[in-house]
């Protein structure tokens, strides 16, 4: 995907047989992390890839419900 593409949230299943009920999107407000849970299939706009707040991993930046948040790259599919 490239920045500006429409995407949808999808399940990322780290353990076989254990599927989360919702997809977690995280936001940083400058001091702490906040989270929101969304149904799989919820549309969003892919904004790009960036280092995670800890700097240890890459995350996908998304625009969802008027806010910029991040998800793991495995939790996005093209729409």
N, C-alpha and C. Protein backbone atom coordinates (compact mmCIF):
# COMPACT_ATOMS: atom_id res chain seq x y z
N UNK A 1 0.84 -1.18 0.00
CA UNK A 1 0.00 0.00 0.00
C UNK A 1 0.88 1.24 0.00
N UNK A 2 0.33 2.31 -0.52
CA UNK A 2 1.06 3.58 -0.50
C UNK A 2 0.24 4.59 0.30
N UNK A 3 0.87 5.63 0.84
CA UNK A 3 0.15 6.63 1.63
C UNK A 3 -1.06 7.17 0.87
N UNK A 4 -2.19 7.26 1.55
CA UNK A 4 -3.44 7.74 0.98
C UNK A 4 -4.37 6.64 0.54
N UNK A 5 -3.87 5.40 0.48
CA UNK A 5 -4.73 4.29 0.08
C UNK A 5 -5.76 3.97 1.15
N UNK A 6 -6.94 3.57 0.70
CA UNK A 6 -7.96 3.10 1.63
C UNK A 6 -7.59 1.69 2.08
N UNK A 7 -7.82 1.42 3.34
CA UNK A 7 -7.49 0.12 3.91
C UNK A 7 -8.61 -0.28 4.86
N UNK A 8 -8.52 -1.50 5.36
CA UNK A 8 -9.45 -1.95 6.39
C UNK A 8 -8.66 -2.69 7.46
N UNK A 9 -9.14 -2.58 8.67
CA UNK A 9 -8.51 -3.30 9.77
C UNK A 9 -8.82 -4.78 9.63
N UNK A 10 -7.88 -5.61 9.99
CA UNK A 10 -8.07 -7.05 9.89
C UNK A 10 -7.44 -7.72 11.11
N UNK A 11 -7.85 -8.94 11.35
CA UNK A 11 -7.28 -9.70 12.47
C UNK A 11 -5.82 -10.03 12.22
N UNK A 12 -5.05 -9.96 13.27
CA UNK A 12 -3.71 -10.52 13.27
C UNK A 12 -3.74 -11.57 14.36
N UNK A 13 -3.51 -12.81 13.99
CA UNK A 13 -3.64 -13.91 14.95
C UNK A 13 -2.26 -14.44 15.31
N UNK A 14 -1.69 -13.98 16.45
CA UNK A 14 -0.35 -14.44 16.82
C UNK A 14 -0.32 -15.88 17.30
N UNK A 15 -1.47 -16.39 17.80
CA UNK A 15 -1.52 -17.77 18.27
C UNK A 15 -2.65 -18.48 17.53
N UNK A 16 -2.35 -19.58 16.85
CA UNK A 16 -3.40 -20.31 16.13
C UNK A 16 -4.56 -20.67 17.05
N UNK A 17 -5.76 -20.46 16.56
CA UNK A 17 -6.96 -20.81 17.33
C UNK A 17 -7.42 -19.73 18.28
N UNK A 18 -6.66 -18.63 18.42
CA UNK A 18 -7.05 -17.55 19.32
C UNK A 18 -7.22 -16.28 18.49
N UNK A 19 -8.45 -15.92 18.21
CA UNK A 19 -8.72 -14.73 17.40
C UNK A 19 -9.27 -13.62 18.30
N UNK A 20 -8.69 -12.43 18.21
CA UNK A 20 -9.23 -11.33 19.01
C UNK A 20 -10.60 -10.92 18.47
N UNK A 21 -11.44 -10.39 19.33
CA UNK A 21 -12.76 -9.96 18.91
C UNK A 21 -12.69 -8.63 18.16
N UNK A 22 -11.69 -7.82 18.47
CA UNK A 22 -11.57 -6.49 17.85
C UNK A 22 -10.11 -6.20 17.57
N UNK A 23 -9.88 -5.17 16.75
CA UNK A 23 -8.52 -4.74 16.40
C UNK A 23 -8.21 -3.48 17.21
N UNK A 24 -7.07 -3.45 17.85
CA UNK A 24 -6.68 -2.32 18.69
C UNK A 24 -5.89 -1.31 17.86
N UNK A 25 -6.32 -0.04 17.92
CA UNK A 25 -5.60 1.07 17.31
C UNK A 25 -5.07 1.92 18.46
N UNK A 26 -3.80 2.29 18.41
CA UNK A 26 -3.18 3.07 19.49
C UNK A 26 -2.91 4.49 19.04
N UNK A 27 -3.02 5.43 19.98
CA UNK A 27 -2.71 6.84 19.74
C UNK A 27 -1.76 7.30 20.82
N UNK A 28 -0.84 8.19 20.47
CA UNK A 28 0.03 8.83 21.45
C UNK A 28 -0.41 10.27 21.58
N UNK A 29 -0.60 10.74 22.80
CA UNK A 29 -0.99 12.14 22.98
C UNK A 29 0.19 12.99 23.45
N UNK A 30 1.41 12.47 23.28
CA UNK A 30 2.60 13.21 23.67
C UNK A 30 3.17 12.74 25.00
N UNK A 31 2.32 12.17 25.85
CA UNK A 31 2.79 11.69 27.16
C UNK A 31 2.48 10.22 27.40
N UNK A 32 1.35 9.77 26.87
CA UNK A 32 0.94 8.40 27.13
C UNK A 32 0.20 7.83 25.93
N UNK A 33 0.11 6.53 25.92
CA UNK A 33 -0.57 5.84 24.83
C UNK A 33 -2.03 5.62 25.20
N UNK A 34 -2.91 5.81 24.24
CA UNK A 34 -4.34 5.53 24.38
C UNK A 34 -4.69 4.49 23.33
N UNK A 35 -5.74 3.73 23.57
CA UNK A 35 -6.14 2.70 22.62
C UNK A 35 -7.63 2.75 22.36
N UNK A 36 -8.01 2.32 21.20
CA UNK A 36 -9.41 2.15 20.83
C UNK A 36 -9.55 0.80 20.16
N UNK A 37 -10.68 0.15 20.32
CA UNK A 37 -10.91 -1.16 19.71
C UNK A 37 -11.95 -1.03 18.61
N UNK A 38 -11.66 -1.61 17.46
CA UNK A 38 -12.51 -1.51 16.29
C UNK A 38 -12.82 -2.89 15.72
N UNK A 39 -13.97 -3.00 15.08
CA UNK A 39 -14.33 -4.25 14.43
C UNK A 39 -13.46 -4.49 13.21
N UNK A 40 -13.09 -5.74 12.94
CA UNK A 40 -12.39 -6.04 11.70
C UNK A 40 -13.24 -5.57 10.52
N UNK A 41 -12.58 -5.04 9.50
CA UNK A 41 -13.29 -4.52 8.35
C UNK A 41 -13.55 -3.03 8.43
N UNK A 42 -13.28 -2.41 9.58
CA UNK A 42 -13.46 -0.96 9.72
C UNK A 42 -12.52 -0.25 8.75
N UNK A 43 -13.05 0.65 7.92
CA UNK A 43 -12.19 1.35 6.96
C UNK A 43 -11.31 2.40 7.63
N UNK A 44 -10.17 2.65 7.01
CA UNK A 44 -9.24 3.68 7.47
C UNK A 44 -8.40 4.11 6.28
N UNK A 45 -7.57 5.10 6.46
CA UNK A 45 -6.65 5.56 5.41
C UNK A 45 -5.24 5.24 5.87
N UNK A 46 -4.50 4.53 5.04
CA UNK A 46 -3.11 4.22 5.32
C UNK A 46 -2.28 5.48 5.09
N UNK A 47 -1.51 5.89 6.10
CA UNK A 47 -0.70 7.10 6.00
C UNK A 47 0.79 6.82 5.78
N UNK A 48 1.21 5.62 6.08
CA UNK A 48 2.61 5.28 5.89
C UNK A 48 3.11 4.37 6.99
N UNK A 49 4.38 4.06 6.91
CA UNK A 49 5.04 3.21 7.88
C UNK A 49 6.01 4.06 8.69
N UNK A 50 6.13 3.76 9.97
CA UNK A 50 6.98 4.56 10.84
C UNK A 50 7.52 3.69 11.97
N UNK A 51 8.56 4.14 12.66
CA UNK A 51 9.02 3.41 13.84
C UNK A 51 7.94 3.44 14.92
N UNK A 52 7.83 2.36 15.67
CA UNK A 52 6.90 2.34 16.80
C UNK A 52 7.36 3.37 17.84
N UNK A 53 6.47 3.75 18.75
CA UNK A 53 6.89 4.71 19.78
C UNK A 53 8.15 4.29 20.55
N UNK A 54 8.34 2.99 20.72
CA UNK A 54 9.55 2.52 21.42
C UNK A 54 10.76 2.50 20.49
N UNK A 55 10.50 2.56 19.18
CA UNK A 55 11.58 2.52 18.20
C UNK A 55 12.06 1.12 17.86
N UNK A 56 11.45 0.10 18.45
CA UNK A 56 11.92 -1.27 18.25
C UNK A 56 11.33 -1.95 17.02
N UNK A 57 10.18 -1.51 16.55
CA UNK A 57 9.48 -2.16 15.44
C UNK A 57 8.96 -1.11 14.47
N UNK A 58 8.45 -1.56 13.34
CA UNK A 58 7.76 -0.69 12.39
C UNK A 58 6.26 -0.85 12.62
N UNK A 59 5.53 0.23 12.47
CA UNK A 59 4.08 0.21 12.59
C UNK A 59 3.48 0.93 11.39
N UNK A 60 2.20 0.70 11.17
CA UNK A 60 1.48 1.39 10.10
C UNK A 60 0.67 2.52 10.72
N UNK A 61 0.87 3.70 10.20
CA UNK A 61 0.13 4.87 10.66
C UNK A 61 -1.16 4.95 9.84
N UNK A 62 -2.30 5.18 10.54
CA UNK A 62 -3.61 5.22 9.88
C UNK A 62 -4.42 6.40 10.37
N UNK A 63 -5.32 6.86 9.50
CA UNK A 63 -6.32 7.85 9.88
C UNK A 63 -7.62 7.10 10.03
N UNK A 64 -8.19 7.14 11.24
CA UNK A 64 -9.42 6.42 11.53
C UNK A 64 -10.26 7.26 12.48
N UNK A 65 -11.50 7.45 12.12
CA UNK A 65 -12.43 8.28 12.91
C UNK A 65 -11.84 9.65 13.23
N UNK A 66 -11.14 10.24 12.27
CA UNK A 66 -10.62 11.60 12.43
C UNK A 66 -9.36 11.73 13.26
N UNK A 67 -8.76 10.60 13.65
CA UNK A 67 -7.53 10.64 14.43
C UNK A 67 -6.45 9.80 13.76
N UNK A 68 -5.23 10.21 13.98
CA UNK A 68 -4.09 9.44 13.47
C UNK A 68 -3.63 8.49 14.56
N UNK A 69 -3.60 7.22 14.23
CA UNK A 69 -3.16 6.20 15.17
C UNK A 69 -2.25 5.22 14.47
N UNK A 70 -1.92 4.14 15.15
CA UNK A 70 -1.08 3.13 14.53
C UNK A 70 -1.56 1.73 14.87
N UNK A 71 -1.26 0.83 13.93
CA UNK A 71 -1.53 -0.59 14.10
C UNK A 71 -0.31 -1.35 13.59
N UNK A 72 -0.23 -2.62 13.90
CA UNK A 72 0.82 -3.46 13.32
C UNK A 72 0.52 -3.63 11.84
N UNK A 73 1.53 -3.69 10.98
CA UNK A 73 1.30 -3.83 9.55
C UNK A 73 0.43 -5.04 9.19
N UNK A 74 0.50 -6.09 9.97
CA UNK A 74 -0.29 -7.30 9.72
C UNK A 74 -1.78 -7.07 9.96
N UNK A 75 -2.14 -5.96 10.58
CA UNK A 75 -3.54 -5.69 10.90
C UNK A 75 -4.24 -4.81 9.87
N UNK A 76 -3.61 -4.65 8.69
CA UNK A 76 -4.20 -3.85 7.61
C UNK A 76 -4.25 -4.66 6.32
N UNK A 77 -5.35 -4.49 5.62
CA UNK A 77 -5.50 -5.04 4.26
C UNK A 77 -5.98 -3.93 3.36
N UNK A 78 -5.59 -3.96 2.07
CA UNK A 78 -6.12 -2.97 1.14
C UNK A 78 -7.64 -3.08 1.05
N UNK A 79 -8.30 -1.97 0.82
CA UNK A 79 -9.76 -1.99 0.69
C UNK A 79 -10.15 -2.02 -0.76
